[in-house]
Every structure is written in structure tokens, then in C-alpha cells.
């Protein structure tokens, strides 16, 4: 996996406005799965945190027009890969209410 820079939100959307819930509400319509992986490419780089990955997840959901994110998980993978010394990951399901 390659590093992902933090997405930027245009317009009035704010990642703080996209709530995280346990599951998609009955009246919710799924937009897409979202997967974020923030890569520490060099040993001298500061490792990413799950908070950063969750923030990037909320921004990505806002960019897709989501009103919420469900089934969210996050973790730090500290086992080095070919491209990353460590990774912070977050996944979730973006949805629109109603």
C-alpha cells in the first residue's frame, strides 16, 4: 500500500459533521466502503496514528457526500511491508440518511 495524504474537503462539508455509528440505519443508503491507509514511508518519518486515519476517513466520507459512517474499525500495523515501516488504517461504510 502506498501512503495517502489527508483528503481535503471543499464547500461547507466538515469531517466533524459526519457522525460515526455502529451500523447503517434502516433508512440509510450505502454510498461505498472507504478504506484509508496512512503509510510511514521512511524510518525517520513520524508514524501515523489511528486518530489521523479516522480523521482522513471522515473527510473522505464527507467528500463523497455521506451523512454518516458505519461499521468503523481502525488499527496500527507495525509489521513493516515493502513500502511502509508502519501504517495507520481505518475502514467504514459511508451512507446517506433517508
N, C-alpha and C. Protein backbone atom coordinates (compact mmCIF):
# COMPACT_ATOMS: atom_id res chain seq x y z
N UNK A 1 0.84 -1.18 0.00
CA UNK A 1 0.00 0.00 0.00
C UNK A 1 0.87 1.23 0.00
N UNK A 2 0.41 2.24 -0.64
CA UNK A 2 1.15 3.49 -0.65
C UNK A 2 0.50 4.46 0.32
N UNK A 3 1.24 5.47 0.70
CA UNK A 3 0.70 6.46 1.62
C UNK A 3 -0.39 7.29 0.97
N UNK A 4 -1.31 7.73 1.77
CA UNK A 4 -2.40 8.56 1.30
C UNK A 4 -2.32 9.87 2.06
N UNK A 5 -2.28 10.95 1.32
CA UNK A 5 -2.28 12.23 2.01
C UNK A 5 -3.70 12.50 2.48
N UNK A 6 -3.82 13.29 3.50
CA UNK A 6 -5.14 13.60 4.03
C UNK A 6 -6.00 14.27 2.97
N UNK A 7 -7.21 13.73 2.72
CA UNK A 7 -8.09 14.35 1.73
C UNK A 7 -8.48 15.76 2.18
N UNK A 8 -8.80 16.59 1.22
CA UNK A 8 -9.26 17.93 1.54
C UNK A 8 -10.75 18.02 1.23
N UNK A 9 -11.45 18.77 2.03
CA UNK A 9 -12.89 18.93 1.83
C UNK A 9 -13.14 20.31 1.29
N UNK A 10 -13.93 20.39 0.22
CA UNK A 10 -14.30 21.68 -0.33
C UNK A 10 -15.75 21.96 0.02
N UNK A 11 -16.15 23.20 -0.07
CA UNK A 11 -17.52 23.55 0.24
C UNK A 11 -17.72 23.62 1.74
N UNK A 12 -18.98 23.41 2.17
CA UNK A 12 -19.30 23.56 3.59
C UNK A 12 -19.18 22.27 4.37
N UNK A 13 -18.84 21.16 3.71
CA UNK A 13 -18.72 19.90 4.43
C UNK A 13 -17.55 19.95 5.40
N UNK A 14 -17.76 19.37 6.55
CA UNK A 14 -16.71 19.27 7.55
C UNK A 14 -16.67 17.84 8.06
N UNK A 15 -15.49 17.26 8.24
CA UNK A 15 -15.45 15.89 8.73
C UNK A 15 -16.09 15.74 10.11
N UNK A 16 -16.16 16.80 10.88
CA UNK A 16 -16.79 16.75 12.18
C UNK A 16 -18.31 16.57 12.06
N UNK A 17 -18.87 16.92 10.92
CA UNK A 17 -20.30 16.80 10.71
C UNK A 17 -20.71 15.39 10.29
N UNK A 18 -19.76 14.51 10.01
CA UNK A 18 -20.06 13.15 9.58
C UNK A 18 -19.95 12.24 10.80
N UNK A 19 -21.10 11.86 11.39
CA UNK A 19 -21.05 11.04 12.60
C UNK A 19 -20.65 9.60 12.31
N UNK A 20 -20.06 8.97 13.29
CA UNK A 20 -19.72 7.55 13.22
C UNK A 20 -20.74 6.81 14.06
N UNK A 21 -21.37 5.79 13.46
CA UNK A 21 -22.38 4.99 14.16
C UNK A 21 -22.03 3.50 14.04
N UNK A 22 -22.68 2.68 14.87
CA UNK A 22 -22.38 1.25 14.87
C UNK A 22 -22.76 0.56 13.57
N UNK A 23 -23.95 0.88 13.04
CA UNK A 23 -24.40 0.23 11.81
C UNK A 23 -25.22 1.21 10.98
N UNK A 24 -25.35 0.91 9.69
CA UNK A 24 -26.12 1.77 8.79
C UNK A 24 -27.57 1.76 9.26
N UNK A 25 -28.18 2.94 9.45
CA UNK A 25 -29.59 3.00 9.87
C UNK A 25 -30.50 2.33 8.84
N UNK A 26 -31.67 1.90 9.29
CA UNK A 26 -32.63 1.25 8.40
C UNK A 26 -32.99 2.11 7.20
N UNK A 27 -33.05 3.43 7.39
CA UNK A 27 -33.39 4.31 6.27
C UNK A 27 -32.15 4.86 5.58
N UNK A 28 -30.98 4.31 5.88
CA UNK A 28 -29.74 4.76 5.26
C UNK A 28 -29.49 4.07 3.92
N UNK A 29 -28.85 4.80 3.00
CA UNK A 29 -28.47 4.25 1.69
C UNK A 29 -26.95 4.25 1.61
N UNK A 30 -26.36 3.07 1.42
CA UNK A 30 -24.91 2.93 1.37
C UNK A 30 -24.36 3.60 0.11
N UNK A 31 -23.34 4.42 0.29
CA UNK A 31 -22.63 5.05 -0.83
C UNK A 31 -21.48 4.16 -1.26
N UNK A 32 -20.59 3.83 -0.30
CA UNK A 32 -19.44 2.98 -0.62
C UNK A 32 -18.69 2.60 0.64
N UNK A 33 -17.87 1.58 0.52
CA UNK A 33 -16.89 1.27 1.56
C UNK A 33 -15.74 2.27 1.40
N UNK A 34 -15.15 2.66 2.50
CA UNK A 34 -13.99 3.55 2.45
C UNK A 34 -12.87 2.89 3.24
N UNK A 35 -11.70 2.84 2.64
CA UNK A 35 -10.51 2.28 3.27
C UNK A 35 -9.40 3.31 3.23
N UNK A 36 -8.85 3.62 4.37
CA UNK A 36 -7.75 4.58 4.48
C UNK A 36 -6.52 3.85 5.02
N UNK A 37 -5.39 4.07 4.40
CA UNK A 37 -4.12 3.53 4.91
C UNK A 37 -3.09 4.65 4.83
N UNK A 38 -2.61 5.07 5.97
CA UNK A 38 -1.59 6.12 6.05
C UNK A 38 -0.25 5.43 6.33
N UNK A 39 0.68 5.60 5.40
CA UNK A 39 1.94 4.87 5.41
C UNK A 39 3.09 5.70 5.98
N UNK A 40 3.86 5.11 6.87
CA UNK A 40 5.12 5.70 7.32
C UNK A 40 6.18 5.17 6.36
N UNK A 41 6.51 5.97 5.35
CA UNK A 41 7.37 5.51 4.26
C UNK A 41 8.84 5.38 4.64
N UNK A 42 9.31 6.22 5.58
CA UNK A 42 10.71 6.18 5.98
C UNK A 42 10.80 5.97 7.49
N UNK A 43 11.86 5.34 7.92
CA UNK A 43 12.01 5.10 9.35
C UNK A 43 12.13 6.41 10.13
N UNK A 44 12.57 7.47 9.45
CA UNK A 44 12.72 8.77 10.10
C UNK A 44 11.42 9.57 10.14
N UNK A 45 10.39 9.12 9.39
CA UNK A 45 9.09 9.79 9.42
C UNK A 45 8.38 9.50 10.74
N UNK A 46 7.53 10.41 11.15
CA UNK A 46 6.72 10.18 12.34
C UNK A 46 5.62 9.18 11.98
N UNK A 47 5.44 8.14 12.79
CA UNK A 47 4.37 7.17 12.50
C UNK A 47 3.00 7.84 12.58
N UNK A 48 2.09 7.39 11.74
CA UNK A 48 0.72 7.90 11.77
C UNK A 48 -0.04 7.23 12.92
N UNK A 49 -1.11 7.87 13.34
CA UNK A 49 -1.93 7.36 14.44
C UNK A 49 -3.31 6.95 13.93
N UNK A 50 -4.03 6.19 14.74
CA UNK A 50 -5.40 5.84 14.36
C UNK A 50 -6.28 7.09 14.33
N UNK A 51 -5.99 8.07 15.17
CA UNK A 51 -6.77 9.33 15.13
C UNK A 51 -6.64 10.00 13.77
N UNK A 52 -5.42 10.01 13.21
CA UNK A 52 -5.22 10.59 11.88
C UNK A 52 -5.97 9.79 10.82
N UNK A 53 -5.94 8.48 10.92
CA UNK A 53 -6.64 7.63 9.95
C UNK A 53 -8.15 7.84 10.05
N UNK A 54 -8.67 7.96 11.26
CA UNK A 54 -10.11 8.19 11.44
C UNK A 54 -10.52 9.57 10.91
N UNK A 55 -9.67 10.56 11.13
CA UNK A 55 -9.94 11.90 10.60
C UNK A 55 -9.98 11.86 9.07
N UNK A 56 -9.02 11.17 8.46
CA UNK A 56 -9.00 11.04 7.00
C UNK A 56 -10.22 10.26 6.50
N UNK A 57 -10.67 9.27 7.27
CA UNK A 57 -11.87 8.52 6.90
C UNK A 57 -13.10 9.42 6.89
N UNK A 58 -13.22 10.27 7.91
CA UNK A 58 -14.37 11.19 7.98
C UNK A 58 -14.33 12.21 6.85
N UNK A 59 -13.14 12.69 6.52
CA UNK A 59 -13.00 13.64 5.41
C UNK A 59 -13.38 12.97 4.09
N UNK A 60 -12.90 11.75 3.87
CA UNK A 60 -13.22 11.02 2.63
C UNK A 60 -14.72 10.79 2.53
N UNK A 61 -15.38 10.46 3.64
CA UNK A 61 -16.83 10.26 3.64
C UNK A 61 -17.55 11.56 3.30
N UNK A 62 -17.10 12.67 3.88
CA UNK A 62 -17.71 13.98 3.59
C UNK A 62 -17.55 14.32 2.11
N UNK A 63 -16.39 14.01 1.54
CA UNK A 63 -16.16 14.30 0.12
C UNK A 63 -17.10 13.50 -0.77
N UNK A 64 -17.51 12.33 -0.33
CA UNK A 64 -18.43 11.50 -1.10
C UNK A 64 -19.89 11.91 -0.87
N UNK A 65 -20.11 12.86 0.02
CA UNK A 65 -21.47 13.33 0.29
C UNK A 65 -22.18 12.53 1.36
N UNK A 66 -21.44 11.75 2.13
CA UNK A 66 -22.05 10.92 3.17
C UNK A 66 -22.56 11.77 4.32
N UNK A 67 -23.62 11.28 4.96
CA UNK A 67 -24.12 11.91 6.18
C UNK A 67 -23.72 11.12 7.41
N UNK A 68 -23.07 9.97 7.20
CA UNK A 68 -22.59 9.17 8.32
C UNK A 68 -21.66 8.07 7.85
N UNK A 69 -20.96 7.47 8.82
CA UNK A 69 -20.07 6.34 8.55
C UNK A 69 -20.41 5.25 9.57
N UNK A 70 -20.56 4.03 9.09
CA UNK A 70 -20.91 2.91 9.96
C UNK A 70 -19.83 1.83 9.92
N UNK A 71 -19.90 0.93 10.90
CA UNK A 71 -19.01 -0.23 10.96
C UNK A 71 -17.55 0.18 10.87
N UNK A 72 -17.17 1.19 11.62
CA UNK A 72 -15.81 1.74 11.55
C UNK A 72 -14.85 0.90 12.39
N UNK A 73 -13.70 0.61 11.79
CA UNK A 73 -12.61 -0.03 12.51
C UNK A 73 -11.33 0.75 12.21
N UNK A 74 -10.39 0.67 13.14
CA UNK A 74 -9.10 1.31 12.91
C UNK A 74 -8.02 0.52 13.64
N UNK A 75 -6.81 0.63 13.12
CA UNK A 75 -5.69 -0.08 13.75
C UNK A 75 -4.37 0.49 13.25
N UNK A 76 -3.32 0.14 13.98
CA UNK A 76 -1.96 0.45 13.56
C UNK A 76 -1.29 -0.88 13.25
N UNK A 77 -0.71 -0.97 12.06
CA UNK A 77 0.03 -2.15 11.64
C UNK A 77 1.50 -1.81 11.78
N UNK A 78 2.16 -2.47 12.71
CA UNK A 78 3.56 -2.13 12.97
C UNK A 78 4.54 -3.12 12.34
N UNK A 79 4.04 -4.09 11.61
CA UNK A 79 4.90 -5.03 10.89
C UNK A 79 5.28 -4.38 9.56
N UNK A 80 6.57 -4.15 9.32
CA UNK A 80 6.98 -3.48 8.07
C UNK A 80 6.57 -4.25 6.82
N UNK A 81 6.23 -3.49 5.79
CA UNK A 81 5.97 -4.06 4.46
C UNK A 81 7.05 -3.53 3.52
N UNK A 82 6.95 -3.86 2.26
CA UNK A 82 7.93 -3.39 1.28
C UNK A 82 7.95 -1.86 1.23
N UNK A 83 6.77 -1.23 1.34
CA UNK A 83 6.68 0.23 1.17
C UNK A 83 6.53 1.01 2.48
N UNK A 84 6.17 0.35 3.57
CA UNK A 84 5.84 1.08 4.79
C UNK A 84 6.51 0.46 6.02
N UNK A 85 7.03 1.31 6.89
CA UNK A 85 7.55 0.83 8.16
C UNK A 85 6.41 0.53 9.12
N UNK A 86 5.35 1.34 9.04
CA UNK A 86 4.12 1.09 9.79
C UNK A 86 2.99 1.79 9.06
N UNK A 87 1.76 1.41 9.40
CA UNK A 87 0.59 2.02 8.78
C UNK A 87 -0.49 2.22 9.83
N UNK A 88 -1.24 3.30 9.68
CA UNK A 88 -2.47 3.50 10.44
C UNK A 88 -3.60 3.31 9.45
N UNK A 89 -4.55 2.46 9.80
CA UNK A 89 -5.64 2.13 8.88
C UNK A 89 -6.98 2.44 9.52
N UNK A 90 -7.95 2.78 8.68
CA UNK A 90 -9.34 2.95 9.11
C UNK A 90 -10.25 2.54 7.96
N UNK A 91 -11.32 1.85 8.29
CA UNK A 91 -12.30 1.45 7.28
C UNK A 91 -13.69 1.74 7.81
N UNK A 92 -14.62 1.92 6.89
CA UNK A 92 -16.01 2.14 7.28
C UNK A 92 -16.90 2.14 6.07
N UNK A 93 -18.19 2.23 6.33
CA UNK A 93 -19.20 2.26 5.26
C UNK A 93 -19.84 3.64 5.27
N UNK A 94 -19.66 4.36 4.16
CA UNK A 94 -20.26 5.70 4.03
C UNK A 94 -21.71 5.53 3.60
N UNK A 95 -22.59 6.32 4.21
CA UNK A 95 -24.01 6.23 3.85
C UNK A 95 -24.65 7.61 3.88
N UNK A 96 -25.83 7.66 3.27
CA UNK A 96 -26.66 8.86 3.28
C UNK A 96 -27.94 8.53 4.05
N UNK A 97 -28.31 9.35 4.98
CA UNK A 97 -29.52 9.15 5.77
C UNK A 97 -30.75 9.43 4.92
N UNK A 98 -31.77 8.60 5.08
CA UNK A 98 -33.04 8.86 4.42
C UNK A 98 -33.08 8.35 3.06
